[in-house]
Structure formats: structure tokens, C-alpha cells
Amino acid sequence: MSTTFRPERAAEAIHEAVAQALRAEVSDPRLQNVTITRVEITDDLSFARIYYTVRNDAEREKAAQAFERATPFLRSRVGQEVQLRVVPELSFRYDIGVDNTARVEELLAGLPELKKD
């Protein structure tokens, strides 16, 4: 019996499968400090873009290289864990949105308090 996934549910399942594989099965030290932040998947479920962050900029390029090497393994884990007709192609991207959010918060913290009359 196959399960039908909507893109949102498929993205959640892929997020969990990749995060679990990184925690428990991937031994590459370049991926030790990676956090999967979100997954976007096409409507036909054939392509998934997986966004991640790392603790510091020095680890960013190393993580990108490690993901290139680990992608076939992670795709096979997604295929085993997520019941889809076709296993989607995976693409890993650094999530600049997290950096942008942190920068906005930093700027807002530096503003003087607004006085209430």
C-alpha cells in the first residue's frame, strides 16, 4: 500500500529523514554541526531543495563540500524512509535567511527604545 503525500507532508518527511541520517548515520565531521532548517519540494515531488545552517562561516564551505559527497547516501535514506513513487533529487543550500534574521535582530537591538507618552 502506498501513501499519497502532498508537497508539505513530503517536505516534512524528507526533513526528518535527512536530519535523522545526519544525527545517526553520517560520520563526516564536516556535517557534525549542521542543522537542517527547511525543505522545499516541487509540486510533482521530483526535486527537493534542503536548506541548512552551520555554527560559523568557517564551516560553511566545508559543509557544502561534504553534502556534495553525502547526497547519494542521503537520497537513498530518503528513498528508504519516505514512501514516494520516485525518490526526489536532493539539492543542499545554505540558508541565508537565518543570517538575515539574526542581522535584523542585531540592528533592532541597537535602536534606542521608543518612549511611550
N, C-alpha and C. Protein backbone atom coordinates (compact mmCIF):
# COMPACT_ATOMS: atom_id res chain seq x y z
N MET A 1 0.85 -1.17 0.00
CA MET A 1 0.00 0.00 0.00
C MET A 1 0.90 1.23 0.00
N SER A 2 0.66 2.15 -0.93
CA SER A 2 1.49 3.35 -0.97
C SER A 2 0.73 4.52 -0.33
N THR A 3 1.49 5.40 0.26
CA THR A 3 0.93 6.57 0.90
C THR A 3 1.02 7.74 -0.06
N THR A 4 -0.03 8.52 -0.17
CA THR A 4 0.00 9.70 -1.01
C THR A 4 0.45 10.89 -0.17
N PHE A 5 1.46 11.58 -0.67
CA PHE A 5 1.99 12.73 0.04
C PHE A 5 1.66 14.01 -0.71
N ARG A 6 1.23 15.00 0.01
CA ARG A 6 1.17 16.35 -0.53
C ARG A 6 2.58 16.92 -0.38
N PRO A 7 2.91 17.96 -1.13
CA PRO A 7 4.26 18.52 -1.02
C PRO A 7 4.66 18.90 0.40
N GLU A 8 3.73 19.47 1.17
CA GLU A 8 4.07 19.89 2.53
C GLU A 8 4.43 18.69 3.41
N ARG A 9 3.64 17.64 3.31
CA ARG A 9 3.91 16.43 4.10
C ARG A 9 5.19 15.75 3.64
N ALA A 10 5.40 15.73 2.32
CA ALA A 10 6.63 15.13 1.79
C ALA A 10 7.84 15.91 2.27
N ALA A 11 7.75 17.24 2.27
CA ALA A 11 8.86 18.07 2.74
C ALA A 11 9.17 17.78 4.21
N GLU A 12 8.14 17.66 5.03
CA GLU A 12 8.34 17.34 6.45
C GLU A 12 9.01 15.98 6.62
N ALA A 13 8.55 15.00 5.87
CA ALA A 13 9.11 13.65 5.98
C ALA A 13 10.56 13.62 5.51
N ILE A 14 10.87 14.35 4.45
CA ILE A 14 12.26 14.41 3.96
C ILE A 14 13.13 15.13 4.97
N HIS A 15 12.62 16.21 5.55
CA HIS A 15 13.35 16.94 6.59
C HIS A 15 13.74 15.99 7.71
N GLU A 16 12.78 15.24 8.20
CA GLU A 16 13.03 14.30 9.31
C GLU A 16 14.01 13.20 8.90
N ALA A 17 13.86 12.64 7.72
CA ALA A 17 14.75 11.56 7.27
C ALA A 17 16.19 12.05 7.15
N VAL A 18 16.39 13.23 6.56
CA VAL A 18 17.75 13.76 6.39
C VAL A 18 18.35 14.13 7.74
N ALA A 19 17.57 14.79 8.59
CA ALA A 19 18.08 15.19 9.91
C ALA A 19 18.47 13.95 10.72
N GLN A 20 17.64 12.92 10.68
CA GLN A 20 17.93 11.68 11.41
C GLN A 20 19.19 11.01 10.87
N ALA A 21 19.34 10.96 9.56
CA ALA A 21 20.53 10.35 8.96
C ALA A 21 21.78 11.13 9.36
N LEU A 22 21.70 12.46 9.39
CA LEU A 22 22.85 13.27 9.79
C LEU A 22 23.22 13.01 11.25
N ARG A 23 22.20 12.86 12.10
CA ARG A 23 22.47 12.62 13.53
C ARG A 23 23.05 11.23 13.77
N ALA A 24 22.51 10.23 13.10
CA ALA A 24 22.81 8.86 13.48
C ALA A 24 23.71 8.08 12.52
N GLU A 25 23.79 8.50 11.27
CA GLU A 25 24.47 7.63 10.30
C GLU A 25 25.63 8.26 9.54
N VAL A 26 25.65 9.57 9.44
CA VAL A 26 26.71 10.23 8.68
C VAL A 26 27.85 10.55 9.63
N SER A 27 29.02 10.02 9.31
CA SER A 27 30.16 10.21 10.21
C SER A 27 31.11 11.33 9.76
N ASP A 28 30.82 11.99 8.67
CA ASP A 28 31.68 13.06 8.17
C ASP A 28 31.69 14.21 9.18
N PRO A 29 32.85 14.54 9.75
CA PRO A 29 32.91 15.60 10.76
C PRO A 29 32.50 16.97 10.23
N ARG A 30 32.55 17.17 8.93
CA ARG A 30 32.15 18.46 8.35
C ARG A 30 30.64 18.68 8.45
N LEU A 31 29.89 17.60 8.74
CA LEU A 31 28.44 17.71 8.86
C LEU A 31 27.95 17.58 10.30
N GLN A 32 28.88 17.57 11.25
CA GLN A 32 28.51 17.41 12.66
C GLN A 32 27.72 18.59 13.21
N ASN A 33 28.02 19.80 12.76
CA ASN A 33 27.38 21.00 13.31
C ASN A 33 26.34 21.60 12.37
N VAL A 34 25.80 20.77 11.49
CA VAL A 34 24.80 21.22 10.53
C VAL A 34 23.40 21.06 11.13
N THR A 35 22.56 22.05 10.88
CA THR A 35 21.15 21.98 11.25
C THR A 35 20.32 22.15 9.99
N ILE A 36 19.43 21.21 9.73
CA ILE A 36 18.51 21.33 8.61
C ILE A 36 17.40 22.29 9.04
N THR A 37 17.22 23.37 8.28
CA THR A 37 16.25 24.39 8.67
C THR A 37 14.91 24.23 7.98
N ARG A 38 14.92 23.82 6.71
CA ARG A 38 13.66 23.66 5.99
C ARG A 38 13.90 22.88 4.71
N VAL A 39 12.80 22.39 4.14
CA VAL A 39 12.85 21.66 2.87
C VAL A 39 11.75 22.22 1.98
N GLU A 40 12.11 22.51 0.75
CA GLU A 40 11.14 22.91 -0.26
C GLU A 40 11.12 21.83 -1.32
N ILE A 41 9.92 21.42 -1.74
CA ILE A 41 9.81 20.36 -2.73
C ILE A 41 8.87 20.80 -3.85
N THR A 42 9.16 20.38 -5.06
CA THR A 42 8.31 20.73 -6.19
C THR A 42 6.96 20.04 -6.05
N ASP A 43 5.96 20.58 -6.72
CA ASP A 43 4.61 20.01 -6.64
C ASP A 43 4.56 18.56 -7.12
N ASP A 44 5.43 18.20 -8.08
CA ASP A 44 5.43 16.82 -8.56
C ASP A 44 6.32 15.90 -7.72
N LEU A 45 6.88 16.44 -6.63
CA LEU A 45 7.70 15.70 -5.66
C LEU A 45 8.98 15.12 -6.27
N SER A 46 9.46 15.69 -7.36
CA SER A 46 10.64 15.14 -8.02
C SER A 46 11.95 15.81 -7.61
N PHE A 47 11.85 16.97 -6.98
CA PHE A 47 13.06 17.71 -6.62
C PHE A 47 12.87 18.37 -5.26
N ALA A 48 13.83 18.15 -4.37
CA ALA A 48 13.76 18.75 -3.03
C ALA A 48 15.01 19.59 -2.79
N ARG A 49 14.78 20.83 -2.38
CA ARG A 49 15.87 21.72 -2.00
C ARG A 49 15.89 21.75 -0.48
N ILE A 50 17.03 21.35 0.09
CA ILE A 50 17.16 21.24 1.53
C ILE A 50 18.09 22.34 2.02
N TYR A 51 17.57 23.16 2.94
CA TYR A 51 18.33 24.28 3.47
C TYR A 51 18.92 23.92 4.83
N TYR A 52 20.14 24.43 5.06
CA TYR A 52 20.83 24.12 6.31
C TYR A 52 21.60 25.34 6.80
N THR A 53 21.98 25.29 8.08
CA THR A 53 22.87 26.28 8.66
C THR A 53 24.00 25.55 9.37
N VAL A 54 25.05 26.29 9.66
CA VAL A 54 26.19 25.79 10.44
C VAL A 54 26.50 26.83 11.50
N ARG A 55 27.34 26.46 12.44
CA ARG A 55 27.63 27.37 13.55
C ARG A 55 28.40 28.62 13.15
N ASN A 56 29.32 28.49 12.20
CA ASN A 56 30.10 29.66 11.82
C ASN A 56 30.46 29.60 10.34
N ASP A 57 30.92 30.72 9.82
CA ASP A 57 31.23 30.81 8.39
C ASP A 57 32.36 29.87 7.96
N ALA A 58 33.28 29.59 8.86
CA ALA A 58 34.39 28.70 8.52
C ALA A 58 33.90 27.30 8.16
N GLU A 59 32.79 26.89 8.73
CA GLU A 59 32.25 25.55 8.47
C GLU A 59 31.35 25.51 7.24
N ARG A 60 30.97 26.66 6.75
CA ARG A 60 30.00 26.73 5.66
C ARG A 60 30.48 26.04 4.38
N GLU A 61 31.67 26.37 3.90
CA GLU A 61 32.20 25.78 2.67
C GLU A 61 32.50 24.29 2.86
N LYS A 62 33.00 23.92 4.03
CA LYS A 62 33.27 22.50 4.30
C LYS A 62 31.98 21.69 4.28
N ALA A 63 30.92 22.25 4.84
CA ALA A 63 29.63 21.55 4.85
C ALA A 63 29.11 21.39 3.42
N ALA A 64 29.26 22.41 2.60
CA ALA A 64 28.81 22.32 1.20
C ALA A 64 29.53 21.20 0.47
N GLN A 65 30.84 21.08 0.68
CA GLN A 65 31.61 20.01 0.06
C GLN A 65 31.17 18.65 0.59
N ALA A 66 30.93 18.56 1.88
CA ALA A 66 30.50 17.30 2.48
C ALA A 66 29.13 16.88 1.95
N PHE A 67 28.23 17.83 1.77
CA PHE A 67 26.91 17.50 1.24
C PHE A 67 27.02 16.98 -0.19
N GLU A 68 27.94 17.52 -0.99
CA GLU A 68 28.13 17.00 -2.35
C GLU A 68 28.48 15.52 -2.29
N ARG A 69 29.33 15.16 -1.38
CA ARG A 69 29.76 13.77 -1.25
C ARG A 69 28.67 12.88 -0.64
N ALA A 70 27.90 13.42 0.30
CA ALA A 70 26.91 12.63 1.03
C ALA A 70 25.55 12.56 0.34
N THR A 71 25.32 13.36 -0.69
CA THR A 71 24.00 13.41 -1.32
C THR A 71 23.49 12.04 -1.79
N PRO A 72 24.29 11.22 -2.47
CA PRO A 72 23.75 9.92 -2.88
C PRO A 72 23.29 9.06 -1.70
N PHE A 73 24.07 9.06 -0.62
CA PHE A 73 23.67 8.29 0.57
C PHE A 73 22.38 8.86 1.17
N LEU A 74 22.32 10.18 1.31
CA LEU A 74 21.13 10.79 1.90
C LEU A 74 19.90 10.57 1.03
N ARG A 75 20.08 10.58 -0.27
CA ARG A 75 18.95 10.31 -1.18
C ARG A 75 18.46 8.87 -0.99
N SER A 76 19.39 7.94 -0.82
CA SER A 76 18.96 6.56 -0.60
C SER A 76 18.23 6.41 0.73
N ARG A 77 18.67 7.14 1.75
CA ARG A 77 17.96 7.10 3.04
C ARG A 77 16.55 7.68 2.90
N VAL A 78 16.42 8.77 2.15
CA VAL A 78 15.09 9.34 1.91
C VAL A 78 14.22 8.30 1.19
N GLY A 79 14.80 7.61 0.22
CA GLY A 79 14.05 6.58 -0.50
C GLY A 79 13.58 5.45 0.39
N GLN A 80 14.38 5.12 1.40
CA GLN A 80 14.01 4.04 2.33
C GLN A 80 12.99 4.51 3.36
N GLU A 81 13.10 5.76 3.79
CA GLU A 81 12.27 6.26 4.89
C GLU A 81 10.95 6.90 4.44
N VAL A 82 10.94 7.48 3.26
CA VAL A 82 9.77 8.22 2.79
C VAL A 82 9.18 7.46 1.60
N GLN A 83 7.97 7.02 1.74
CA GLN A 83 7.33 6.22 0.70
C GLN A 83 6.76 7.11 -0.41
N LEU A 84 7.61 7.37 -1.40
CA LEU A 84 7.20 8.14 -2.57
C LEU A 84 7.38 7.26 -3.80
N ARG A 85 6.60 7.54 -4.84
CA ARG A 85 6.73 6.77 -6.07
C ARG A 85 8.14 6.88 -6.65
N VAL A 86 8.66 8.09 -6.66
CA VAL A 86 10.00 8.37 -7.17
C VAL A 86 10.75 9.13 -6.09
N VAL A 87 11.98 8.73 -5.83
CA VAL A 87 12.80 9.43 -4.85
C VAL A 87 13.25 10.76 -5.47
N PRO A 88 12.98 11.87 -4.80
CA PRO A 88 13.33 13.17 -5.39
C PRO A 88 14.84 13.38 -5.44
N GLU A 89 15.26 14.16 -6.43
CA GLU A 89 16.63 14.64 -6.46
C GLU A 89 16.80 15.59 -5.28
N LEU A 90 17.95 15.55 -4.63
CA LEU A 90 18.20 16.41 -3.48
C LEU A 90 19.25 17.46 -3.82
N SER A 91 19.00 18.67 -3.37
CA SER A 91 19.94 19.76 -3.53
C SER A 91 20.07 20.44 -2.17
N PHE A 92 21.30 20.65 -1.72
CA PHE A 92 21.54 21.27 -0.41
C PHE A 92 22.01 22.69 -0.60
N ARG A 93 21.38 23.61 0.13
CA ARG A 93 21.70 25.04 0.06
C ARG A 93 21.86 25.62 1.44
N TYR A 94 22.82 26.49 1.59
CA TYR A 94 22.98 27.20 2.86
C TYR A 94 21.82 28.16 3.02
N ASP A 95 21.22 28.21 4.18
CA ASP A 95 20.04 29.04 4.44
C ASP A 95 20.47 30.42 4.91
N ILE A 96 20.50 31.37 3.98
CA ILE A 96 20.91 32.74 4.34
C ILE A 96 19.82 33.47 5.11
N GLY A 97 18.61 32.94 5.07
CA GLY A 97 17.51 33.56 5.81
C GLY A 97 17.78 33.64 7.29
N VAL A 98 18.43 32.64 7.84
CA VAL A 98 18.75 32.63 9.27
C VAL A 98 19.75 33.75 9.57
N ASP A 99 20.75 33.92 8.72
CA ASP A 99 21.72 35.00 8.91
C ASP A 99 21.03 36.36 8.81
N ASN A 100 20.12 36.50 7.85
CA ASN A 100 19.40 37.77 7.69
C ASN A 100 18.56 38.08 8.91
N THR A 101 17.89 37.09 9.46
CA THR A 101 17.07 37.28 10.66
C THR A 101 17.94 37.73 11.83
N ALA A 102 19.08 37.08 12.00
CA ALA A 102 19.99 37.44 13.10
C ALA A 102 20.48 38.88 12.93
N ARG A 103 20.76 39.28 11.70
CA ARG A 103 21.25 40.64 11.45
C ARG A 103 20.16 41.67 11.76
N VAL A 104 18.92 41.39 11.37
CA VAL A 104 17.81 42.31 11.67
C VAL A 104 17.64 42.44 13.18
N GLU A 105 17.69 41.32 13.90
CA GLU A 105 17.56 41.36 15.35
C GLU A 105 18.68 42.17 15.98
N GLU A 106 19.89 42.02 15.44
CA GLU A 106 21.03 42.78 15.94
C GLU A 106 20.82 44.27 15.72
N LEU A 107 20.33 44.64 14.54
CA LEU A 107 20.07 46.05 14.25
C LEU A 107 18.97 46.60 15.14
N LEU A 108 17.90 45.85 15.34
CA LEU A 108 16.80 46.30 16.19
C LEU A 108 17.24 46.46 17.65
N ALA A 109 18.12 45.59 18.11
CA ALA A 109 18.60 45.68 19.48
C ALA A 109 19.43 46.95 19.69
N GLY A 110 20.03 47.45 18.62
CA GLY A 110 20.84 48.66 18.73
C GLY A 110 20.05 49.96 18.66
N LEU A 111 18.77 49.87 18.35
CA LEU A 111 17.95 51.08 18.26
C LEU A 111 17.57 51.56 19.65
N PRO A 112 17.49 52.87 19.83
CA PRO A 112 17.05 53.38 21.14
C PRO A 112 15.57 53.01 21.36
N GLU A 113 15.24 52.82 22.61
CA GLU A 113 13.84 52.49 22.97
C GLU A 113 12.93 53.62 22.57
N LEU A 114 11.78 53.27 22.06
CA LEU A 114 10.77 54.29 21.75
C LEU A 114 10.02 54.63 23.02
N LYS A 115 9.90 55.94 23.30
CA LYS A 115 9.21 56.36 24.54
C LYS A 115 7.73 56.40 24.29
N LYS A 116 6.98 55.91 25.26
CA LYS A 116 5.52 55.97 25.18
C LYS A 116 5.07 57.18 26.00
N ASP A 117 4.20 57.96 25.42
CA ASP A 117 3.70 59.15 26.12
C ASP A 117 2.55 58.82 27.01
